[in-house]
């Protein structure tokens, strides 16, 4: 999956994270909103809702969303303490809508100032042109995980850091930071190479997306997914360019960023601004997220797992970036990303193909989120 961002799954040019001011009253006083804290599963400010209070809930295709959750249970959630009982009960469920309403409680997410909206962006699965052998055209490597990249888990000494991984390399008797994106570009034979692609900008955005497809010269199409990351925090090139006045916020779409980089003689310098670098694995499945299962177009999102646990159903209310039609549907937290930070923050997976790229490339909408937490499991965990 995606990444440390991890599905690495979000657009670096988007500013993201800004909360709107559409709370239930004008004072944004959390004390007046019956906010609860369930810190064992989420650091968010939460307010329990009744199903009838959620606009659009009754209009969704629950047979479709039920199947997505079923797949998540079968592949990975049956081992997650938060979902064990819910996944067991799913086996005998006959009414998808009733299953969700019976086994979950919806909690609306609020920012610390009491507002209830945040930024919803989009991502997609790109298609690149590639070759198994290096040529004058295909010369940009898609790397597997280097053998000298080490990952240290800290929860044994620091339980509060259970979700963190320290990445680096061994130098003498010390662990030092791994190579940056710029340094990796100067190293030959860094790691085993899956293939070479013909466009360094497209490769850069493959790193941003965290997974994609590559069409080889033979006509074969292979799938590549996130395997690891070099340990550096994601740094937004888009924010830098907008802050410097090089581009306007209106040019900060995927399409606008690609054009800027293509036309700029300092392209590599700009690409190297983000030190984070992704290593891939060749997979037999299409786009996968942090849960290690295939993402479902318009049913999967990347989230900040400090606020929304991976695997959770999430009801999202936002807008289509092109038509401005309402998007009100049950989606699932199956991915996370370095650019996806904040309480009310999500990256909406549009799928594969040109239309998905067009929608994802321009998506930066305000939206609200309700996380569905399993009944019983939440009370025991808290």
Protein backbone atom coordinates (compact mmCIF):
# COMPACT_ATOMS: atom_id res chain seq x y z
CA UNK A 1 0.00 0.00 0.00
CA UNK A 2 0.48 3.46 0.25
CA UNK A 3 2.85 4.55 2.27
CA UNK A 4 4.02 6.33 5.15
CA UNK A 5 1.95 8.53 3.41
CA UNK A 6 1.51 5.44 2.69
CA UNK A 7 -0.67 4.81 0.24
CA UNK A 8 2.19 7.15 0.88
CA UNK A 9 -2.28 7.58 -1.29
CA UNK A 10 -2.31 12.13 -1.93
CA UNK A 11 -1.45 15.04 -4.11
CA UNK A 12 1.58 17.02 -2.98
CA UNK A 13 0.48 20.18 -4.66
CA UNK A 14 -2.70 20.52 -2.63
CA UNK A 15 -2.60 22.71 0.42
CA UNK A 16 -5.01 20.54 2.40
CA UNK A 17 -5.89 20.48 6.05
CA UNK A 18 -7.80 23.76 6.35
CA UNK A 19 -11.03 23.39 8.28
CA UNK A 20 -14.25 25.11 7.37
CA UNK A 21 -16.57 26.96 9.72
CA UNK A 22 -19.84 25.08 9.47
CA UNK A 23 -20.41 23.89 13.02
CA UNK A 24 -23.86 23.50 14.55
CA UNK A 25 -23.70 26.95 16.11
CA UNK A 26 -21.72 30.14 15.61
CA UNK A 27 -19.62 29.88 18.76
CA UNK A 28 -17.77 26.69 17.88
CA UNK A 29 -17.87 25.72 21.55
CA UNK A 30 -17.08 22.01 21.82
CA UNK A 31 -18.68 21.91 25.25
CA UNK A 32 -22.04 22.65 23.63
CA UNK A 33 -21.75 19.86 21.08
CA UNK A 34 -21.79 16.79 23.37
CA UNK A 35 -18.29 15.89 22.22
CA UNK A 36 -16.91 12.57 23.42
CA UNK A 37 -13.38 11.21 23.47
CA UNK A 38 -12.64 7.59 22.62
CA UNK A 39 -8.88 7.91 22.85
CA UNK A 40 -8.22 4.17 22.67
CA UNK A 41 -9.35 4.23 19.04
CA UNK A 42 -9.24 7.90 17.98
CA UNK A 43 -7.76 11.22 19.05
CA UNK A 44 -10.62 13.07 17.36
CA UNK A 45 -13.41 15.12 18.85
CA UNK A 46 -16.47 12.93 18.25
CA UNK A 47 -20.21 13.39 18.53
CA UNK A 48 -22.52 10.38 18.39
CA UNK A 49 -25.22 10.68 15.73
CA UNK A 50 -28.45 8.92 14.90
CA UNK A 51 -28.64 7.47 11.41
CA UNK A 52 -31.62 9.66 10.49
CA UNK A 53 -29.52 12.76 11.22
CA UNK A 54 -27.03 11.97 8.44
CA UNK A 55 -28.13 13.50 5.13
CA UNK A 56 -27.86 11.00 2.29
CA UNK A 57 -27.46 7.92 4.48
CA UNK A 58 -30.64 6.25 3.22
CA UNK A 59 -29.71 6.78 -0.45
CA UNK A 60 -26.52 4.73 -0.60
CA UNK A 61 -25.96 1.37 -2.29
CA UNK A 62 -25.46 -0.76 0.82
CA UNK A 63 -25.08 -4.02 -1.08
CA UNK A 64 -21.97 -2.56 -2.69
CA UNK A 65 -20.52 -1.13 0.53
CA UNK A 66 -21.31 -4.37 2.39
CA UNK A 67 -19.21 -6.32 -0.11
CA UNK A 68 -16.25 -3.96 0.37
CA UNK A 69 -16.40 -4.42 4.14
CA UNK A 70 -16.79 -8.17 3.74
CA UNK A 71 -13.61 -8.31 1.66
CA UNK A 72 -11.77 -6.26 4.30
CA UNK A 73 -12.88 -8.72 6.98
CA UNK A 74 -11.83 -11.75 4.96
CA UNK A 75 -8.43 -10.31 4.07
CA UNK A 76 -7.27 -8.60 7.25
CA UNK A 77 -9.82 -7.22 9.75
CA UNK A 78 -10.68 -10.61 11.27
CA UNK A 79 -7.37 -10.27 13.19
CA UNK A 80 -8.05 -6.71 14.37
CA UNK A 81 -9.42 -6.58 17.96
CA UNK A 82 -11.62 -3.65 17.01
CA UNK A 83 -13.43 -5.65 14.32
CA UNK A 84 -13.26 -9.31 15.40
CA UNK A 85 -16.84 -9.60 16.61
CA UNK A 86 -18.25 -7.44 13.83
CA UNK A 87 -16.54 -9.56 11.19
CA UNK A 88 -17.92 -12.71 12.81
CA UNK A 89 -21.45 -11.30 12.80
CA UNK A 90 -21.09 -10.31 9.16
CA UNK A 91 -21.11 -13.97 8.13
CA UNK A 92 -24.78 -14.37 9.04
CA UNK A 93 -25.99 -10.92 7.93
CA UNK A 94 -28.72 -10.82 5.28
CA UNK A 95 -29.67 -7.12 5.17
CA UNK A 96 -26.61 -4.90 4.37
CA UNK A 97 -28.12 -1.62 5.56
CA UNK A 98 -29.44 -3.16 8.76
CA UNK A 99 -26.05 -4.75 9.39
CA UNK A 100 -24.29 -1.38 9.49
CA UNK A 101 -27.03 0.26 11.55
CA UNK A 102 -27.08 -2.61 14.05
CA UNK A 103 -23.36 -3.17 14.49
CA UNK A 104 -21.95 0.37 14.32
CA UNK A 105 -22.43 3.77 15.92
CA UNK A 106 -21.76 6.81 13.70
CA UNK A 107 -19.62 9.57 15.19
CA UNK A 108 -19.19 12.89 13.45
CA UNK A 109 -15.67 14.34 13.53
CA UNK A 110 -15.03 17.88 14.76
CA UNK A 111 -11.97 20.09 14.66
CA UNK A 112 -10.62 21.57 17.87
CA UNK A 113 -12.35 24.88 17.10
CA UNK A 114 -15.73 23.13 16.85
CA UNK A 115 -16.01 23.32 13.06
CA UNK A 116 -17.13 20.19 11.26
CA UNK A 117 -15.59 20.38 7.80
CA UNK A 118 -12.15 19.77 6.37
CA UNK A 119 -10.38 19.21 3.07
CA UNK A 120 -11.19 16.25 0.82
CA UNK A 121 -8.74 15.60 -2.01
CA UNK A 122 -8.57 12.79 -4.53
CA UNK A 123 -6.10 10.23 -5.81
CA UNK A 124 -6.05 7.63 -8.54
CA UNK A 125 -4.07 4.74 -10.03
CA UNK A 126 -1.73 5.99 -12.77
CA UNK A 127 -0.56 4.17 -15.91
CA UNK A 128 3.08 4.56 -16.96
CA UNK A 129 5.09 3.31 -19.95
CA UNK A 130 8.02 1.07 -19.06
CA UNK A 131 10.62 -1.51 -19.98
CA UNK A 132 12.32 -4.36 -18.13
CA UNK A 133 15.64 -3.21 -19.60
CA UNK A 134 17.21 0.23 -19.55
CA UNK A 135 17.31 2.15 -22.83
CA UNK A 136 17.84 5.74 -23.89
CA UNK A 137 14.08 6.27 -23.58
CA UNK A 138 13.35 4.09 -20.54
CA UNK A 139 15.94 5.19 -18.01
CA UNK A 140 14.12 6.05 -14.77
CA UNK A 141 14.18 3.10 -12.32
CA UNK A 142 11.26 1.81 -10.27
CA UNK A 143 13.12 0.45 -7.24
CA UNK A 144 12.34 -2.44 -4.96
CA UNK A 145 13.15 -2.09 -1.27
CA UNK A 146 16.95 -1.73 -0.76
CA UNK A 147 18.60 -4.43 1.33
CA UNK A 148 20.44 -1.83 3.42
CA UNK A 149 17.25 -0.05 4.50
CA UNK A 150 16.52 -0.94 8.12
CA UNK A 151 13.29 -0.37 10.02
CA UNK A 152 13.20 -0.08 13.81
CA UNK A 153 10.00 -0.60 15.79
CA UNK A 154 9.84 1.41 18.99
CA UNK A 155 6.75 0.13 20.82
CA UNK A 156 8.79 -2.19 23.05
CA UNK A 157 10.34 0.79 24.82
CA UNK A 158 7.78 3.45 23.93
CA UNK A 159 4.22 2.02 23.64
CA UNK A 160 2.91 5.44 22.63
CA UNK A 161 5.03 5.17 19.46
CA UNK A 162 3.57 1.84 18.35
CA UNK A 163 2.45 3.29 15.02
CA UNK A 164 5.87 4.76 14.21
CA UNK A 165 8.80 3.20 12.39
CA UNK A 166 12.35 4.53 12.42
CA UNK A 167 13.98 4.01 9.03
CA UNK A 168 17.66 4.38 8.23
CA UNK A 169 20.81 2.46 7.36
CA UNK A 170 23.64 1.05 9.42
CA UNK A 171 26.94 2.91 9.27
CA UNK A 172 29.56 1.39 11.53
CA UNK A 173 27.78 0.87 14.85
CA UNK A 174 25.18 3.57 14.29
CA UNK A 175 21.87 3.90 12.49
CA UNK A 176 21.97 6.99 10.29
CA UNK A 177 19.27 8.53 8.09
CA UNK A 178 18.67 6.81 4.79
CA UNK A 179 19.41 8.56 1.50
CA UNK A 180 17.16 11.41 0.39
CA UNK A 181 15.42 11.53 -2.98
CA UNK A 182 18.22 13.72 -4.33
CA UNK A 183 20.92 11.35 -3.05
CA UNK A 184 19.15 8.30 -4.42
CA UNK A 185 19.17 9.91 -7.85
CA UNK A 186 22.98 9.92 -7.80
CA UNK A 187 23.46 6.30 -6.67
CA UNK A 188 23.89 3.44 -9.11
CA UNK A 189 22.67 -0.04 -8.22
CA UNK A 190 20.87 1.17 -5.10
CA UNK A 191 18.49 -1.79 -5.15
CA UNK A 192 16.88 -4.34 -7.40
CA UNK A 193 14.89 -2.66 -10.17
CA UNK A 194 11.40 -3.76 -11.20
CA UNK A 195 11.56 -1.87 -14.50
CA UNK A 196 12.43 1.49 -16.03
CA UNK A 197 9.91 4.14 -17.10
CA UNK A 198 10.21 6.90 -19.66
CA UNK A 199 8.96 9.91 -17.70
CA UNK A 200 10.47 11.13 -14.43
CA UNK A 201 7.49 13.39 -13.70
CA UNK A 202 5.03 10.53 -14.05
CA UNK A 203 7.31 8.45 -11.82
CA UNK A 204 7.30 11.22 -9.22
CA UNK A 205 3.52 11.17 -9.13
CA UNK A 206 3.53 7.37 -8.97
CA UNK A 207 5.41 7.89 -5.70
CA UNK A 208 2.70 10.29 -4.59
CA UNK A 209 -0.10 7.84 -5.44
CA UNK A 210 1.72 4.88 -3.89
CA UNK A 211 0.65 2.32 -6.49
CA UNK A 212 -0.05 2.09 -10.19
CA UNK A 213 0.25 0.13 -13.40
CA UNK A 214 3.10 0.06 -15.90
CA UNK A 215 2.65 -0.98 -19.52
CA UNK A 216 5.79 -2.70 -20.77
CA UNK A 217 7.06 -2.63 -24.36
CA UNK A 218 5.81 -6.20 -24.80
CA UNK A 219 2.28 -5.01 -24.11
CA UNK A 220 2.19 -6.68 -20.68
CA UNK A 221 0.78 -4.53 -17.90
CA UNK A 222 2.23 -5.04 -14.43
CA UNK A 223 0.97 -3.76 -11.09
CA UNK A 224 3.30 -2.07 -8.62
CA UNK A 225 2.45 -1.23 -5.03
CA UNK A 226 4.07 0.44 -2.07
CA UNK A 227 6.65 -1.67 -0.25
CA UNK A 228 8.57 0.81 1.89
CA UNK A 229 9.73 4.40 2.22
CA UNK A 230 13.08 6.04 2.94
CA UNK A 231 12.04 7.57 6.27
CA UNK A 232 11.79 11.23 5.33
CA UNK A 233 8.63 13.22 5.93
CA UNK A 234 6.69 14.23 2.88
CA UNK A 235 7.34 17.83 1.86
CA UNK A 236 4.78 19.58 -0.31
CA UNK A 237 6.23 21.01 -3.51
CA UNK A 238 2.88 22.59 -4.27
CA UNK A 239 2.92 24.62 -1.07
CA UNK A 240 6.46 25.80 -1.81
CA UNK A 241 5.63 26.95 -5.34
CA UNK A 242 2.48 28.76 -4.27
CA UNK A 243 4.26 30.42 -1.34
CA UNK A 244 7.01 31.62 -3.68
CA UNK A 245 4.45 32.94 -6.16
CA UNK A 246 5.76 30.67 -8.92
CA UNK A 247 2.26 29.30 -9.49
CA UNK A 248 -1.15 30.36 -8.24
CA UNK A 249 -3.40 28.19 -6.13
CA UNK A 250 -5.57 27.80 -9.23
CA UNK A 251 -2.65 26.13 -11.02
CA UNK A 252 -2.09 23.63 -8.23
CA UNK A 253 -3.94 20.74 -9.85
CA UNK A 254 -2.23 17.58 -11.05
CA UNK A 255 -2.46 18.84 -14.61
CA UNK A 256 -1.09 22.27 -13.66
CA UNK A 257 1.79 20.81 -11.71
CA UNK A 258 2.79 18.48 -14.54
CA UNK A 259 2.80 21.36 -17.01
CA UNK A 260 4.90 23.55 -14.71
CA UNK A 261 7.49 20.81 -14.19
CA UNK A 262 7.61 19.84 -17.87
CA UNK A 263 8.29 23.43 -18.94
CA UNK A 264 10.83 24.26 -16.23
CA UNK A 265 14.59 23.80 -16.75
CA UNK A 266 14.98 23.42 -12.96
CA UNK A 267 12.61 20.46 -12.93
CA UNK A 268 14.94 18.12 -11.05
CA UNK A 269 15.63 20.69 -8.36
CA UNK A 270 11.89 21.01 -7.78
CA UNK A 271 11.36 17.24 -7.74
CA UNK A 272 14.16 16.84 -5.20
CA UNK A 273 12.51 19.36 -2.87
CA UNK A 274 10.47 16.46 -1.49
CA UNK A 275 13.07 14.16 0.16
CA UNK A 276 10.61 11.30 0.62
CA UNK A 277 11.12 8.35 -1.73
CA UNK A 278 8.97 5.25 -2.24
CA UNK A 279 10.10 1.70 -2.93
CA UNK A 280 7.73 -0.65 -4.74
CA UNK A 281 6.92 -4.29 -5.12
CA UNK A 282 5.41 -6.02 -8.13
CA UNK A 283 1.98 -7.33 -7.22
CA UNK A 284 -0.70 -9.56 -8.68
CA UNK A 285 -3.46 -7.16 -7.65
CA UNK A 286 -4.35 -3.65 -8.68
CA UNK A 287 -4.04 -0.57 -6.47
CA UNK A 288 -3.67 -1.56 -2.83
CA UNK A 289 -3.79 0.50 0.31
CA UNK A 290 -2.24 0.29 3.77
CA UNK A 291 -4.42 -2.67 4.65
CA UNK A 292 -2.81 -4.61 1.83
CA UNK A 293 -6.07 -5.18 -0.03
CA UNK A 294 -7.23 -3.88 -3.38
CA UNK A 295 -8.77 -0.42 -3.27
CA UNK A 296 -12.31 0.06 -4.54
CA UNK A 297 -13.00 3.13 -6.71
CA UNK A 298 -15.16 5.67 -4.89
CA UNK A 299 -15.39 3.35 -1.85
CA UNK A 300 -11.84 3.66 -0.49
CA UNK A 301 -10.21 6.64 1.20
CA UNK A 302 -6.85 7.47 2.73
CA UNK A 303 -7.03 8.98 6.21
CA UNK A 304 -4.96 10.17 9.14
CA UNK A 305 -5.04 7.09 11.37
CA UNK A 306 -4.63 9.17 14.51
CA UNK A 307 -8.29 10.09 14.05
CA UNK A 308 -9.79 7.32 11.90
CA UNK A 309 -8.64 3.72 12.45
CA UNK A 310 -7.75 1.74 9.35
CA UNK A 311 -10.60 -0.52 8.30
CA UNK A 312 -13.38 1.67 9.63
CA UNK A 313 -16.44 2.47 7.53
CA UNK A 314 -16.69 6.25 7.08
CA UNK A 315 -19.66 8.19 5.76
CA UNK A 316 -18.40 11.06 3.63
CA UNK A 317 -20.27 14.18 2.58
CA UNK A 318 -18.49 16.30 -0.03
CA UNK A 319 -18.81 17.31 -3.71
CA UNK A 320 -17.70 16.07 -7.09
CA UNK A 321 -14.93 18.52 -8.09
CA UNK A 322 -16.14 18.80 -11.69
CA UNK A 323 -19.95 18.68 -11.48
CA UNK A 324 -20.31 19.92 -7.88
CA UNK A 325 -22.91 17.20 -7.34
CA UNK A 326 -23.10 15.88 -3.80
CA UNK A 327 -21.02 12.86 -2.86
CA UNK A 328 -22.75 11.24 0.11
CA UNK A 329 -21.76 7.62 0.57
CA UNK A 330 -20.25 5.01 2.80
CA UNK A 331 -16.52 4.60 2.14
CA UNK A 332 -13.78 2.73 3.95
CA UNK A 333 -10.50 3.82 5.55
CA UNK A 334 -8.17 1.49 3.66
CA UNK A 335 -5.18 3.75 3.11
CA UNK A 336 -3.12 6.55 4.62
CA UNK A 337 -0.78 9.18 3.23
CA UNK A 338 1.99 11.57 4.18
CA UNK A 339 -0.05 14.52 2.95
CA UNK A 340 -3.20 13.33 4.71
CA UNK A 341 -2.92 15.02 8.08
CA UNK A 342 -5.74 16.36 10.21
CA UNK A 343 -8.96 15.35 11.91
CA UNK A 344 -11.35 15.96 9.01
CA UNK A 345 -9.07 15.04 6.14
CA UNK A 346 -9.43 12.35 3.49
CA UNK A 347 -8.09 11.38 0.09
CA UNK A 348 -10.88 9.93 -2.06
CA UNK A 349 -9.84 7.10 -4.38
CA UNK A 350 -11.28 7.61 -7.87
CA UNK A 351 -9.86 4.46 -9.48
CA UNK A 352 -7.92 3.88 -12.69
CA UNK A 353 -7.98 5.64 -16.04
CA UNK A 354 -8.17 9.08 -17.60
CA UNK A 355 -11.50 10.06 -16.01
CA UNK A 356 -10.23 9.06 -12.57
CA UNK A 357 -7.08 11.12 -13.14
CA UNK A 358 -9.12 14.13 -14.26
CA UNK A 359 -11.35 14.05 -11.18
CA UNK A 360 -8.55 13.31 -8.71
CA UNK A 361 -6.28 15.95 -10.21
CA UNK A 362 -8.64 18.82 -9.48
CA UNK A 363 -10.31 17.61 -6.30
CA UNK A 364 -10.00 19.90 -3.31
CA UNK A 365 -13.42 20.15 -1.71
CA UNK A 366 -14.75 20.82 1.75
CA UNK A 367 -16.47 17.90 3.41
CA UNK A 368 -17.65 16.25 6.62
CA UNK A 369 -16.88 12.78 7.93
CA UNK A 370 -18.67 10.33 10.20
CA UNK A 371 -16.58 7.40 11.40
CA UNK A 372 -18.55 4.22 12.12
CA UNK A 373 -17.17 2.47 15.19
CA UNK A 374 -18.21 -1.08 16.12
CA UNK A 375 -20.60 -1.34 19.05
CA UNK A 376 -19.21 -3.30 21.97
CA UNK A 377 -15.63 -3.24 20.72
CA UNK A 378 -15.42 0.49 21.27
CA UNK A 379 -16.78 0.31 24.80
CA UNK A 380 -14.34 -2.47 25.71
CA UNK A 381 -11.40 -0.68 24.13
CA UNK A 382 -12.21 2.58 25.86
